[in-house]
Amino acid sequence: MEYQIVADESVDHRIVIALRECGFAVYSISESQASVSDREVLGVAVTQGALLLTEDKDFGELVFRLQLSHKGILLLRLTEQTKSIKTLVQTIEKHYPALLNTFSVLSHDKLRIKDRY
């Protein structure tokens, strides 16, 4: 399975690089469409059929309150950079299918997968 990922501007570029080095196809908003709105970012991810990685809680409002379509959102709540990248890579490798079409939150000690609405 090929992992399609869109990285929001809020995602540290070191994470984008690390994911690419692990073989993930990552479309970086900061590289390609800097300063677009959250709705536009969500639209890019939907068009690409990709999991959206973000550190921006506003995407929760777009999905839950406004009920906008998405293909999966993973909200990152990680600190300590080195461990964060390893945790993120392992999470995506292990749970990618389960992350699609859900809103999930990843912290150092747990992954919470929520239904779409």
PDB file of N, CA and C in Angstrom:
ATOM      1  N   MET A   1       0.841  -1.183   0.000  1.00  0.00           N
ATOM      2  CA  MET A   1       0.000   0.000   0.000  1.00  0.00           C
ATOM      3  C   MET A   1       0.881   1.239   0.000  1.00  0.00           C
ATOM      4  N   GLU A   2       0.555   2.169  -0.897  1.00  0.00           N
ATOM      5  CA  GLU A   2       1.288   3.427  -0.918  1.00  0.00           C
ATOM      6  C   GLU A   2       0.596   4.414   0.010  1.00  0.00           C
ATOM      7  N   TYR A   3       1.385   5.048   0.845  1.00  0.00           N
ATOM      8  CA  TYR A   3       0.850   6.001   1.801  1.00  0.00           C
ATOM      9  C   TYR A   3       0.853   7.397   1.184  1.00  0.00           C
ATOM     10  N   GLN A   4      -0.319   7.988   1.019  1.00  0.00           N
ATOM     11  CA  GLN A   4      -0.450   9.342   0.501  1.00  0.00           C
ATOM     12  C   GLN A   4      -0.631  10.287   1.689  1.00  0.00           C
ATOM     13  N   ILE A   5       0.246  11.265   1.805  1.00  0.00           N
ATOM     14  CA  ILE A   5       0.217  12.180   2.942  1.00  0.00           C
ATOM     15  C   ILE A   5       0.342  13.624   2.448  1.00  0.00           C
ATOM     16  N   VAL A   6      -0.465  14.494   3.028  1.00  0.00           N
ATOM     17  CA  VAL A   6      -0.319  15.938   2.835  1.00  0.00           C
ATOM     18  C   VAL A   6       0.091  16.502   4.188  1.00  0.00           C
ATOM     19  N   ALA A   7       1.183  17.256   4.206  1.00  0.00           N
ATOM     20  CA  ALA A   7       1.673  17.877   5.443  1.00  0.00           C
ATOM     21  C   ALA A   7       1.292  19.347   5.433  1.00  0.00           C
ATOM     22  N   ASP A   8       0.487  19.747   6.403  1.00  0.00           N
ATOM     23  CA  ASP A   8       0.091  21.139   6.574  1.00  0.00           C
ATOM     24  C   ASP A   8       1.328  21.984   6.899  1.00  0.00           C
ATOM     25  N   GLU A   9       1.221  23.287   6.700  1.00  0.00           N
ATOM     26  CA  GLU A   9       2.333  24.205   7.005  1.00  0.00           C
ATOM     27  C   GLU A   9       2.788  24.114   8.459  1.00  0.00           C
ATOM     28  N   SER A  10       1.885  23.736   9.343  1.00  0.00           N
ATOM     29  CA  SER A  10       2.223  23.686  10.760  1.00  0.00           C
ATOM     30  C   SER A  10       3.174  22.533  11.100  1.00  0.00           C
ATOM     31  N   VAL A  11       3.318  21.582  10.211  1.00  0.00           N
ATOM     32  CA  VAL A  11       4.172  20.414  10.471  1.00  0.00           C
ATOM     33  C   VAL A  11       5.630  20.787  10.221  1.00  0.00           C
ATOM     34  N   ASP A  12       6.466  20.505  11.199  1.00  0.00           N
ATOM     35  CA  ASP A  12       7.891  20.796  11.102  1.00  0.00           C
ATOM     36  C   ASP A  12       8.468  20.132   9.847  1.00  0.00           C
ATOM     37  N   HIS A  13       9.253  20.880   9.094  1.00  0.00           N
ATOM     38  CA  HIS A  13       9.795  20.350   7.835  1.00  0.00           C
ATOM     39  C   HIS A  13      10.694  19.131   8.054  1.00  0.00           C
ATOM     40  N   ARG A  14      11.313  19.022   9.224  1.00  0.00           N
ATOM     41  CA  ARG A  14      12.128  17.830   9.518  1.00  0.00           C
ATOM     42  C   ARG A  14      11.274  16.567   9.479  1.00  0.00           C
ATOM     43  N   ILE A  15      10.006  16.694   9.857  1.00  0.00           N
ATOM     44  CA  ILE A  15       9.097  15.547   9.799  1.00  0.00           C
ATOM     45  C   ILE A  15       8.824  15.179   8.338  1.00  0.00           C
ATOM     46  N   VAL A  16       8.599  16.170   7.493  1.00  0.00           N
ATOM     47  CA  VAL A  16       8.375  15.921   6.065  1.00  0.00           C
ATOM     48  C   VAL A  16       9.578  15.180   5.475  1.00  0.00           C
ATOM     49  N   ILE A  17      10.765  15.655   5.749  1.00  0.00           N
ATOM     50  CA  ILE A  17      11.992  15.041   5.233  1.00  0.00           C
ATOM     51  C   ILE A  17      12.121  13.601   5.732  1.00  0.00           C
ATOM     52  N   ALA A  18      11.903  13.400   7.026  1.00  0.00           N
ATOM     53  CA  ALA A  18      12.032  12.055   7.604  1.00  0.00           C
ATOM     54  C   ALA A  18      11.026  11.084   6.994  1.00  0.00           C
ATOM     55  N   LEU A  19       9.800  11.536   6.791  1.00  0.00           N
ATOM     56  CA  LEU A  19       8.782  10.671   6.184  1.00  0.00           C
ATOM     57  C   LEU A  19       9.169  10.304   4.753  1.00  0.00           C
ATOM     58  N   ARG A  20       9.679  11.266   4.008  1.00  0.00           N
ATOM     59  CA  ARG A  20      10.128  10.984   2.638  1.00  0.00           C
ATOM     60  C   ARG A  20      11.285   9.990   2.639  1.00  0.00           C
ATOM     61  N   GLU A  21      12.206  10.146   3.574  1.00  0.00           N
ATOM     62  CA  GLU A  21      13.342   9.225   3.666  1.00  0.00           C
ATOM     63  C   GLU A  21      12.894   7.799   3.980  1.00  0.00           C
ATOM     64  N   CYS A  22      11.732   7.677   4.617  1.00  0.00           N
ATOM     65  CA  CYS A  22      11.173   6.360   4.926  1.00  0.00           C
ATOM     66  C   CYS A  22      10.313   5.826   3.773  1.00  0.00           C
ATOM     67  N   GLY A  23      10.247   6.564   2.683  1.00  0.00           N
ATOM     68  CA  GLY A  23       9.535   6.101   1.505  1.00  0.00           C
ATOM     69  C   GLY A  23       8.099   6.561   1.358  1.00  0.00           C
ATOM     70  N   PHE A  24       7.644   7.455   2.232  1.00  0.00           N
ATOM     71  CA  PHE A  24       6.275   7.959   2.136  1.00  0.00           C
ATOM     72  C   PHE A  24       6.188   9.053   1.076  1.00  0.00           C
ATOM     73  N   ALA A  25       5.076   9.079   0.340  1.00  0.00           N
ATOM     74  CA  ALA A  25       4.811  10.161  -0.614  1.00  0.00           C
ATOM     75  C   ALA A  25       4.190  11.311   0.171  1.00  0.00           C
ATOM     76  N   VAL A  26       4.943  12.384   0.356  1.00  0.00           N
ATOM     77  CA  VAL A  26       4.480  13.515   1.171  1.00  0.00           C
ATOM     78  C   VAL A  26       4.417  14.776   0.319  1.00  0.00           C
ATOM     79  N   TYR A  27       3.233  15.356   0.246  1.00  0.00           N
ATOM     80  CA  TYR A  27       3.025  16.642  -0.413  1.00  0.00           C
ATOM     81  C   TYR A  27       3.063  17.692   0.691  1.00  0.00           C
ATOM     82  N   SER A  28       4.016  18.600   0.607  1.00  0.00           N
ATOM     83  CA  SER A  28       4.199  19.623   1.637  1.00  0.00           C
ATOM     84  C   SER A  28       3.541  20.929   1.217  1.00  0.00           C
ATOM     85  N   ILE A  29       2.579  21.379   1.999  1.00  0.00           N
ATOM     86  CA  ILE A  29       1.900  22.648   1.722  1.00  0.00           C
ATOM     87  C   ILE A  29       2.900  23.802   1.772  1.00  0.00           C
ATOM     88  N   SER A  30       3.813  23.786   2.727  1.00  0.00           N
ATOM     89  CA  SER A  30       4.774  24.897   2.843  1.00  0.00           C
ATOM     90  C   SER A  30       5.697  24.978   1.630  1.00  0.00           C
ATOM     91  N   GLU A  31       5.968  23.865   0.969  1.00  0.00           N
ATOM     92  CA  GLU A  31       6.813  23.876  -0.224  1.00  0.00           C
ATOM     93  C   GLU A  31       6.036  24.288  -1.480  1.00  0.00           C
ATOM     94  N   SER A  32       4.770  23.931  -1.531  1.00  0.00           N
ATOM     95  CA  SER A  32       4.022  24.078  -2.779  1.00  0.00           C
ATOM     96  C   SER A  32       2.958  25.168  -2.786  1.00  0.00           C
ATOM     97  N   GLN A  33       2.332  25.406  -1.641  1.00  0.00           N
ATOM     98  CA  GLN A  33       1.213  26.361  -1.595  1.00  0.00           C
ATOM     99  C   GLN A  33       1.193  27.127  -0.280  1.00  0.00           C
ATOM    100  N   ALA A  34       2.300  27.684   0.094  1.00  0.00           N
ATOM    101  CA  ALA A  34       2.398  28.380   1.376  1.00  0.00           C
ATOM    102  C   ALA A  34       1.316  29.438   1.529  1.00  0.00           C
ATOM    103  N   SER A  35       0.835  29.566   2.735  1.00  0.00           N
ATOM    104  CA  SER A  35      -0.129  30.597   3.140  1.00  0.00           C
ATOM    105  C   SER A  35      -1.541  30.408   2.603  1.00  0.00           C
ATOM    106  N   VAL A  36      -1.896  29.212   2.166  1.00  0.00           N
ATOM    107  CA  VAL A  36      -3.287  28.980   1.758  1.00  0.00           C
ATOM    108  C   VAL A  36      -4.128  28.724   3.009  1.00  0.00           C
ATOM    109  N   SER A  37      -5.431  28.856   2.877  1.00  0.00           N
ATOM    110  CA  SER A  37      -6.328  28.676   4.015  1.00  0.00           C
ATOM    111  C   SER A  37      -6.429  27.201   4.411  1.00  0.00           C
ATOM    112  N   ASP A  38      -6.915  26.975   5.620  1.00  0.00           N
ATOM    113  CA  ASP A  38      -7.109  25.600   6.091  1.00  0.00           C
ATOM    114  C   ASP A  38      -8.089  24.844   5.192  1.00  0.00           C
ATOM    115  N   ARG A  39      -9.110  25.535   4.724  1.00  0.00           N
ATOM    116  CA  ARG A  39     -10.075  24.893   3.811  1.00  0.00           C
ATOM    117  C   ARG A  39      -9.384  24.439   2.529  1.00  0.00           C
ATOM    118  N   GLU A  40      -8.481  25.270   2.023  1.00  0.00           N
ATOM    119  CA  GLU A  40      -7.753  24.908   0.807  1.00  0.00           C
ATOM    120  C   GLU A  40      -6.820  23.724   1.061  1.00  0.00           C
ATOM    121  N   VAL A  41      -6.185  23.713   2.211  1.00  0.00           N
ATOM    122  CA  VAL A  41      -5.321  22.591   2.579  1.00  0.00           C
ATOM    123  C   VAL A  41      -6.147  21.305   2.627  1.00  0.00           C
ATOM    124  N   LEU A  42      -7.290  21.377   3.260  1.00  0.00           N
ATOM    125  CA  LEU A  42      -8.178  20.224   3.345  1.00  0.00           C
ATOM    126  C   LEU A  42      -8.590  19.774   1.939  1.00  0.00           C
ATOM    127  N   GLY A  43      -8.864  20.721   1.068  1.00  0.00           N
ATOM    128  CA  GLY A  43      -9.226  20.408  -0.305  1.00  0.00           C
ATOM    129  C   GLY A  43      -8.110  19.690  -1.058  1.00  0.00           C
ATOM    130  N   VAL A  44      -6.872  20.108  -0.841  1.00  0.00           N
ATOM    131  CA  VAL A  44      -5.722  19.447  -1.468  1.00  0.00           C
ATOM    132  C   VAL A  44      -5.654  17.993  -1.007  1.00  0.00           C
ATOM    133  N   ALA A  45      -5.799  17.772   0.289  1.00  0.00           N
ATOM    134  CA  ALA A  45      -5.739  16.414   0.822  1.00  0.00           C
ATOM    135  C   ALA A  45      -6.873  15.554   0.267  1.00  0.00           C
ATOM    136  N   VAL A  46      -8.066  16.113   0.165  1.00  0.00           N
ATOM    137  CA  VAL A  46      -9.205  15.367  -0.380  1.00  0.00           C
ATOM    138  C   VAL A  46      -8.951  15.024  -1.846  1.00  0.00           C
ATOM    139  N   THR A  47      -8.510  15.995  -2.626  1.00  0.00           N
ATOM    140  CA  THR A  47      -8.236  15.774  -4.045  1.00  0.00           C
ATOM    141  C   THR A  47      -7.198  14.676  -4.247  1.00  0.00           C
ATOM    142  N   GLN A  48      -6.195  14.654  -3.383  1.00  0.00           N
ATOM    143  CA  GLN A  48      -5.137  13.648  -3.495  1.00  0.00           C
ATOM    144  C   GLN A  48      -5.504  12.335  -2.810  1.00  0.00           C
ATOM    145  N   GLY A  49      -6.635  12.307  -2.114  1.00  0.00           N
ATOM    146  CA  GLY A  49      -7.015  11.102  -1.378  1.00  0.00           C
ATOM    147  C   GLY A  49      -6.011  10.782  -0.286  1.00  0.00           C
ATOM    148  N   ALA A  50      -5.500  11.834   0.354  1.00  0.00           N
ATOM    149  CA  ALA A  50      -4.378  11.698   1.280  1.00  0.00           C
ATOM    150  C   ALA A  50      -4.755  11.960   2.729  1.00  0.00           C
ATOM    151  N   LEU A  51      -4.003  11.346   3.608  1.00  0.00           N
ATOM    152  CA  LEU A  51      -4.063  11.618   5.041  1.00  0.00           C
ATOM    153  C   LEU A  51      -3.424  12.986   5.270  1.00  0.00           C
ATOM    154  N   LEU A  52      -4.098  13.856   6.005  1.00  0.00           N
ATOM    155  CA  LEU A  52      -3.576  15.180   6.311  1.00  0.00           C
ATOM    156  C   LEU A  52      -2.899  15.165   7.672  1.00  0.00           C
ATOM    157  N   LEU A  53      -1.629  15.536   7.704  1.00  0.00           N
ATOM    158  CA  LEU A  53      -0.896  15.699   8.965  1.00  0.00           C
ATOM    159  C   LEU A  53      -0.913  17.168   9.328  1.00  0.00           C
ATOM    160  N   THR A  54      -1.224  17.472  10.574  1.00  0.00           N
ATOM    161  CA  THR A  54      -1.266  18.865  11.010  1.00  0.00           C
ATOM    162  C   THR A  54      -0.981  18.968  12.499  1.00  0.00           C
ATOM    163  N   GLU A  55      -0.600  20.159  12.913  1.00  0.00           N
ATOM    164  CA  GLU A  55      -0.487  20.477  14.332  1.00  0.00           C
ATOM    165  C   GLU A  55      -1.507  21.555  14.691  1.00  0.00           C
ATOM    166  N   ASP A  56      -2.400  21.849  13.762  1.00  0.00           N
ATOM    167  CA  ASP A  56      -3.387  22.924  13.879  1.00  0.00           C
ATOM    168  C   ASP A  56      -4.750  22.346  14.290  1.00  0.00           C
ATOM    169  N   LYS A  57      -5.198  22.694  15.481  1.00  0.00           N
ATOM    170  CA  LYS A  57      -6.485  22.188  15.997  1.00  0.00           C
ATOM    171  C   LYS A  57      -7.690  22.696  15.212  1.00  0.00           C
ATOM    172  N   ASP A  58      -7.511  23.736  14.416  1.00  0.00           N
ATOM    173  CA  ASP A  58      -8.632  24.294  13.653  1.00  0.00           C
ATOM    174  C   ASP A  58      -9.248  23.287  12.688  1.00  0.00           C
ATOM    175  N   PHE A  59      -8.504  22.289  12.287  1.00  0.00           N
ATOM    176  CA  PHE A  59      -9.060  21.284  11.381  1.00  0.00           C
ATOM    177  C   PHE A  59     -10.164  20.481  12.065  1.00  0.00           C
ATOM    178  N   GLY A  60     -10.119  20.368  13.373  1.00  0.00           N
ATOM    179  CA  GLY A  60     -11.199  19.715  14.108  1.00  0.00           C
ATOM    180  C   GLY A  60     -12.511  20.452  13.922  1.00  0.00           C
ATOM    181  N   GLU A  61     -12.460  21.768  13.949  1.00  0.00           N
ATOM    182  CA  GLU A  61     -13.666  22.565  13.737  1.00  0.00           C
ATOM    183  C   GLU A  61     -14.203  22.364  12.320  1.00  0.00           C
ATOM    184  N   LEU A  62     -13.314  22.346  11.340  1.00  0.00           N
ATOM    185  CA  LEU A  62     -13.745  22.159   9.958  1.00  0.00           C
ATOM    186  C   LEU A  62     -14.441  20.810   9.765  1.00  0.00           C
ATOM    187  N   VAL A  63     -13.932  19.797  10.437  1.00  0.00           N
ATOM    188  CA  VAL A  63     -14.481  18.443  10.274  1.00  0.00           C
ATOM    189  C   VAL A  63     -15.713  18.219  11.148  1.00  0.00           C
ATOM    190  N   PHE A  64     -15.648  18.592  12.395  1.00  0.00           N
ATOM    191  CA  PHE A  64     -16.742  18.270  13.316  1.00  0.00           C
ATOM    192  C   PHE A  64     -17.869  19.303  13.293  1.00  0.00           C
ATOM    193  N   ARG A  65     -17.533  20.584  13.346  1.00  0.00           N
ATOM    194  CA  ARG A  65     -18.591  21.596  13.388  1.00  0.00           C
ATOM    195  C   ARG A  65     -19.139  21.898  11.994  1.00  0.00           C
ATOM    196  N   LEU A  66     -18.241  22.078  11.037  1.00  0.00           N
ATOM    197  CA  LEU A  66     -18.673  22.430   9.681  1.00  0.00           C
ATOM    198  C   LEU A  66     -18.898  21.199   8.796  1.00  0.00           C
ATOM    199  N   GLN A  67     -18.480  20.053   9.280  1.00  0.00           N
ATOM    200  CA  GLN A  67     -18.677  18.761   8.604  1.00  0.00           C
ATOM    201  C   GLN A  67     -18.136  18.741   7.176  1.00  0.00           C
ATOM    202  N   LEU A  68     -16.954  19.320   6.989  1.00  0.00           N
ATOM    203  CA  LEU A  68     -16.315  19.291   5.679  1.00  0.00           C
ATOM    204  C   LEU A  68     -15.726  17.904   5.421  1.00  0.00           C
ATOM    205  N   SER A  69     -15.708  17.518   4.167  1.00  0.00           N
ATOM    206  CA  SER A  69     -15.173  16.220   3.775  1.00  0.00           C
ATOM    207  C   SER A  69     -13.670  16.163   3.993  1.00  0.00           C
ATOM    208  N   HIS A  70     -13.184  14.980   4.275  1.00  0.00           N
ATOM    209  CA  HIS A  70     -11.747  14.745   4.401  1.00  0.00           C
ATOM    210  C   HIS A  70     -11.474  13.270   4.150  1.00  0.00           C
ATOM    211  N   LYS A  71     -10.197  12.952   3.974  1.00  0.00           N
ATOM    212  CA  LYS A  71      -9.782  11.564   3.761  1.00  0.00           C
ATOM    213  C   LYS A  71      -9.031  11.011   4.968  1.00  0.00           C
ATOM    214  N   GLY A  72      -8.998  11.812   6.027  1.00  0.00           N
ATOM    215  CA  GLY A  72      -8.300  11.425   7.250  1.00  0.00           C
ATOM    216  C   GLY A  72      -7.413  12.561   7.709  1.00  0.00           C
ATOM    217  N   ILE A  73      -7.477  12.855   9.003  1.00  0.00           N
ATOM    218  CA  ILE A  73      -6.652  13.918   9.583  1.00  0.00           C
ATOM    219  C   ILE A  73      -5.948  13.350  10.804  1.00  0.00           C
ATOM    220  N   LEU A  74      -4.645  13.560  10.862  1.00  0.00           N
ATOM    221  CA  LEU A  74      -3.871  13.154  12.025  1.00  0.00           C
ATOM    222  C   LEU A  74      -3.302  14.416  12.661  1.00  0.00           C
ATOM    223  N   LEU A  75      -3.858  14.773  13.816  1.00  0.00           N
ATOM    224  CA  LEU A  75      -3.419  15.943  14.578  1.00  0.00           C
ATOM    225  C   LEU A  75      -2.252  15.518  15.458  1.00  0.00           C
ATOM    226  N   LEU A  76      -1.120  16.179  15.269  1.00  0.00           N
ATOM    227  CA  LEU A  76       0.093  15.826  16.011  1.00  0.00           C
ATOM    228  C   LEU A  76       0.207  16.659  17.274  1.00  0.00           C
ATOM    229  N   ARG A  77       0.358  15.986  18.378  1.00  0.00           N
ATOM    230  CA  ARG A  77       0.573  16.615  19.680  1.00  0.00           C
ATOM    231  C   ARG A  77       1.842  16.007  20.271  1.00  0.00           C
ATOM    232  N   LEU A  78       2.942  16.217  19.561  1.00  0.00           N
ATOM    233  CA  LEU A  78       4.222  15.621  19.938  1.00  0.00           C
ATOM    234  C   LEU A  78       5.201  16.724  20.304  1.00  0.00           C
ATOM    235  N   THR A  79       6.130  16.396  21.188  1.00  0.00           N
ATOM    236  CA  THR A  79       7.197  17.331  21.525  1.00  0.00           C
ATOM    237  C   THR A  79       8.518  16.671  21.146  1.00  0.00           C
ATOM    238  N   GLU A  80       9.507  16.716  21.930  1.00  0.00           N
ATOM    239  CA  GLU A  80      10.817  16.113  21.709  1.00  0.00           C
ATOM    240  C   GLU A  80      10.999  15.535  20.298  1.00  0.00           C
ATOM    241  N   GLN A  81      11.588  16.320  19.416  1.00  0.00           N
ATOM    242  CA  GLN A  81      11.626  16.075  17.977  1.00  0.00           C
ATOM    243  C   GLN A  81      12.093  14.677  17.556  1.00  0.00           C
ATOM    244  N   THR A  82      13.196  14.191  18.072  1.00  0.00           N
ATOM    245  CA  THR A  82      13.733  12.904  17.611  1.00  0.00           C
ATOM    246  C   THR A  82      12.764  11.770  17.877  1.00  0.00           C
ATOM    247  N   LYS A  83      12.241  11.687  19.072  1.00  0.00           N
ATOM    248  CA  LYS A  83      11.286  10.638  19.402  1.00  0.00           C
ATOM    249  C   LYS A  83       9.980  10.839  18.635  1.00  0.00           C
ATOM    250  N   SER A  84       9.611  12.087  18.392  1.00  0.00           N
ATOM    251  CA  SER A  84       8.373  12.387  17.692  1.00  0.00           C
ATOM    252  C   SER A  84       8.363  11.799  16.292  1.00  0.00           C
ATOM    253  N   ILE A  85       9.453  11.973  15.574  1.00  0.00           N
ATOM    254  CA  ILE A  85       9.527  11.465  14.208  1.00  0.00           C
ATOM    255  C   ILE A  85       9.435   9.947  14.216  1.00  0.00           C
ATOM    256  N   LYS A  86      10.161   9.308  15.098  1.00  0.00           N
ATOM    257  CA  LYS A  86      10.117   7.841  15.188  1.00  0.00           C
ATOM    258  C   LYS A  86       8.694   7.374  15.529  1.00  0.00           C
ATOM    259  N   THR A  87       8.066   8.027  16.492  1.00  0.00           N
ATOM    260  CA  THR A  87       6.696   7.684  16.889  1.00  0.00           C
ATOM    261  C   THR A  87       5.741   7.863  15.726  1.00  0.00           C
ATOM    262  N   LEU A  88       5.866   8.964  14.992  1.00  0.00           N
ATOM    263  CA  LEU A  88       4.989   9.241  13.871  1.00  0.00           C
ATOM    264  C   LEU A  88       5.162   8.208  12.758  1.00  0.00           C
ATOM    265  N   VAL A  89       6.385   7.914  12.389  1.00  0.00           N
ATOM    266  CA  VAL A  89       6.648   6.927  11.331  1.00  0.00           C
ATOM    267  C   VAL A  89       6.062   5.572  11.716  1.00  0.00           C
ATOM    268  N   GLN A  90       6.309   5.142  12.935  1.00  0.00           N
ATOM    269  CA  GLN A  90       5.778   3.848  13.388  1.00  0.00           C
ATOM    270  C   GLN A  90       4.252   3.844  13.392  1.00  0.00           C
ATOM    271  N   THR A  91       3.654   4.941  13.790  1.00  0.00           N
ATOM    272  CA  THR A  91       2.192   5.042  13.825  1.00  0.00           C
ATOM    273  C   THR A  91       1.608   4.944  12.420  1.00  0.00           C
ATOM    274  N   ILE A  92       2.187   5.661  11.483  1.00  0.00           N
ATOM    275  CA  ILE A  92       1.675   5.617  10.121  1.00  0.00           C
ATOM    276  C   ILE A  92       1.858   4.230   9.515  1.00  0.00           C
ATOM    277  N   GLU A  93       3.014   3.640   9.710  1.00  0.00           N
ATOM    278  CA  GLU A  93       3.262   2.294   9.177  1.00  0.00           C
ATOM    279  C   GLU A  93       2.273   1.277   9.742  1.00  0.00           C
ATOM    280  N   LYS A  94       1.989   1.376  10.997  1.00  0.00           N
ATOM    281  CA  LYS A  94       1.137   0.384  11.662  1.00  0.00           C
ATOM    282  C   LYS A  94      -0.358   0.654  11.476  1.00  0.00           C
ATOM    283  N   HIS A  95      -0.759   1.929  11.438  1.00  0.00           N
ATOM    284  CA  HIS A  95      -2.182   2.263  11.510  1.00  0.00           C
ATOM    285  C   HIS A  95      -2.735   3.012  10.290  1.00  0.00           C
ATOM    286  N   TYR A  96      -1.969   3.153   9.223  1.00  0.00           N
ATOM    287  CA  TYR A  96      -2.414   3.981   8.094  1.00  0.00           C
ATOM    288  C   TYR A  96      -3.852   3.683   7.654  1.00  0.00           C
ATOM    289  N   PRO A  97      -4.226   2.439   7.388  1.00  0.00           N
ATOM    290  CA  PRO A  97      -5.614   2.196   6.947  1.00  0.00           C
ATOM    291  C   PRO A  97      -6.661   2.676   7.964  1.00  0.00           C
ATOM    292  N   ALA A  98      -6.362   2.523   9.242  1.00  0.00           N
ATOM    293  CA  ALA A  98      -7.300   2.944  10.287  1.00  0.00           C
ATOM    294  C   ALA A  98      -7.376   4.469  10.409  1.00  0.00           C
ATOM    295  N   LEU A  99      -6.343   5.171   9.965  1.00  0.00           N
ATOM    296  CA  LEU A  99      -6.312   6.634  10.041  1.00  0.00           C
ATOM    297  C   LEU A  99      -7.122   7.294   8.932  1.00  0.00           C
ATOM    298  N   LEU A 100      -7.365   6.553   7.866  1.00  0.00           N
ATOM    299  CA  LEU A 100      -8.117   7.110   6.746  1.00  0.00           C
ATOM    300  C   LEU A 100      -9.569   7.320   7.135  1.00  0.00           C
ATOM    301  N   ASN A 101     -10.120   8.441   6.704  1.00  0.00           N
ATOM    302  CA  ASN A 101     -11.527   8.802   6.947  1.00  0.00           C
ATOM    303  C   ASN A 101     -11.875   8.934   8.423  1.00  0.00           C
ATOM    304  N   THR A 102     -10.877   9.223   9.250  1.00  0.00           N
ATOM    305  CA  THR A 102     -11.095   9.470  10.675  1.00  0.00           C
ATOM    306  C   THR A 102     -10.339  10.738  11.078  1.00  0.00           C
ATOM    307  N   PHE A 103     -10.656  11.238  12.254  1.00  0.00           N
ATOM    308  CA  PHE A 103      -9.898  12.335  12.847  1.00  0.00           C
ATOM    309  C   PHE A 103      -9.153  11.729  14.019  1.00  0.00           C
ATOM    310  N   SER A 104      -7.829  11.765  13.970  1.00  0.00           N
ATOM    311  CA  SER A 104      -7.022  11.109  14.996  1.00  0.00           C
ATOM    312  C   SER A 104      -6.059  12.096  15.634  1.00  0.00           C
ATOM    313  N   VAL A 105      -5.688  11.784  16.861  1.00  0.00           N
ATOM    314  CA  VAL A 105      -4.742  12.623  17.597  1.00  0.00           C
ATOM    315  C   VAL A 105      -3.609  11.725  18.087  1.00  0.00           C
ATOM    316  N   LEU A 106      -2.372  12.123  17.753  1.00  0.00           N
ATOM    317  CA  LEU A 106      -1.201  11.365  18.177  1.00  0.00           C
ATOM    318  C   LEU A 106      -0.396  12.181  19.178  1.00  0.00           C
ATOM    319  N   SER A 107      -0.231  11.607  20.377  1.00  0.00           N
ATOM    320  CA  SER A 107       0.667  12.177  21.377  1.00  0.00           C
ATOM    321  C   SER A 107       1.741  11.131  21.638  1.00  0.00           C
ATOM    322  N   HIS A 108       2.691  11.431  22.501  1.00  0.00           N
ATOM    323  CA  HIS A 108       3.778  10.475  22.751  1.00  0.00           C
ATOM    324  C   HIS A 108       3.291   9.147  23.294  1.00  0.00           C
ATOM    325  N   ASP A 109       2.276   9.175  24.133  1.00  0.00           N
ATOM    326  CA  ASP A 109       1.876   7.946  24.792  1.00  0.00           C
ATOM    327  C   ASP A 109       0.629   7.291  24.234  1.00  0.00           C
ATOM    328  N   LYS A 110      -0.043   7.951  23.258  1.00  0.00           N
ATOM    329  CA  LYS A 110      -1.239   7.298  22.733  1.00  0.00           C
ATOM    330  C   LYS A 110      -1.694   7.863  21.402  1.00  0.00           C
ATOM    331  N   LEU A 111      -2.441   7.010  20.702  1.00  0.00           N
ATOM    332  CA  LEU A 111      -3.096   7.386  19.459  1.00  0.00           C
ATOM    333  C   LEU A 111      -4.595   7.252  19.707  1.00  0.00           C
ATOM    334  N   ARG A 112      -5.313   8.352  19.501  1.00  0.00           N
ATOM    335  CA  ARG A 112      -6.783   8.322  19.628  1.00  0.00           C
ATOM    336  C   ARG A 112      -7.372   8.480  18.235  1.00  0.00           C
ATOM    337  N   ILE A 113      -8.174   7.527  17.848  1.00  0.00           N
ATOM    338  CA  ILE A 113      -8.842   7.567  16.546  1.00  0.00           C
ATOM    339  C   ILE A 113     -10.306   7.813  16.794  1.00  0.00           C
ATOM    340  N   LYS A 114     -10.812   8.912  16.226  1.00  0.00           N
ATOM    341  CA  LYS A 114     -12.215   9.284  16.418  1.00  0.00           C
ATOM    342  C   LYS A 114     -12.962   9.070  15.111  1.00  0.00           C
ATOM    343  N   ASP A 115     -14.251   8.823  15.242  1.00  0.00           N
ATOM    344  CA  ASP A 115     -15.084   8.747  14.045  1.00  0.00           C
ATOM    345  C   ASP A 115     -15.076  10.091  13.356  1.00  0.00           C
ATOM    346  N   ARG A 116     -15.518  10.080  12.137  1.00  0.00           N
ATOM    347  CA  ARG A 116     -15.494  11.282  11.310  1.00  0.00           C
ATOM    348  C   ARG A 116     -16.317  12.418  11.915  1.00  0.00           C
ATOM    349  N   TYR A 117     -17.485  12.148  12.408  1.00  0.00           N
ATOM    350  CA  TYR A 117     -18.349  13.223  12.939  1.00  0.00           C
ATOM    351  C   TYR A 117     -18.586  13.038  14.408  1.00  0.00           C
TER     352      TYR A 117
END
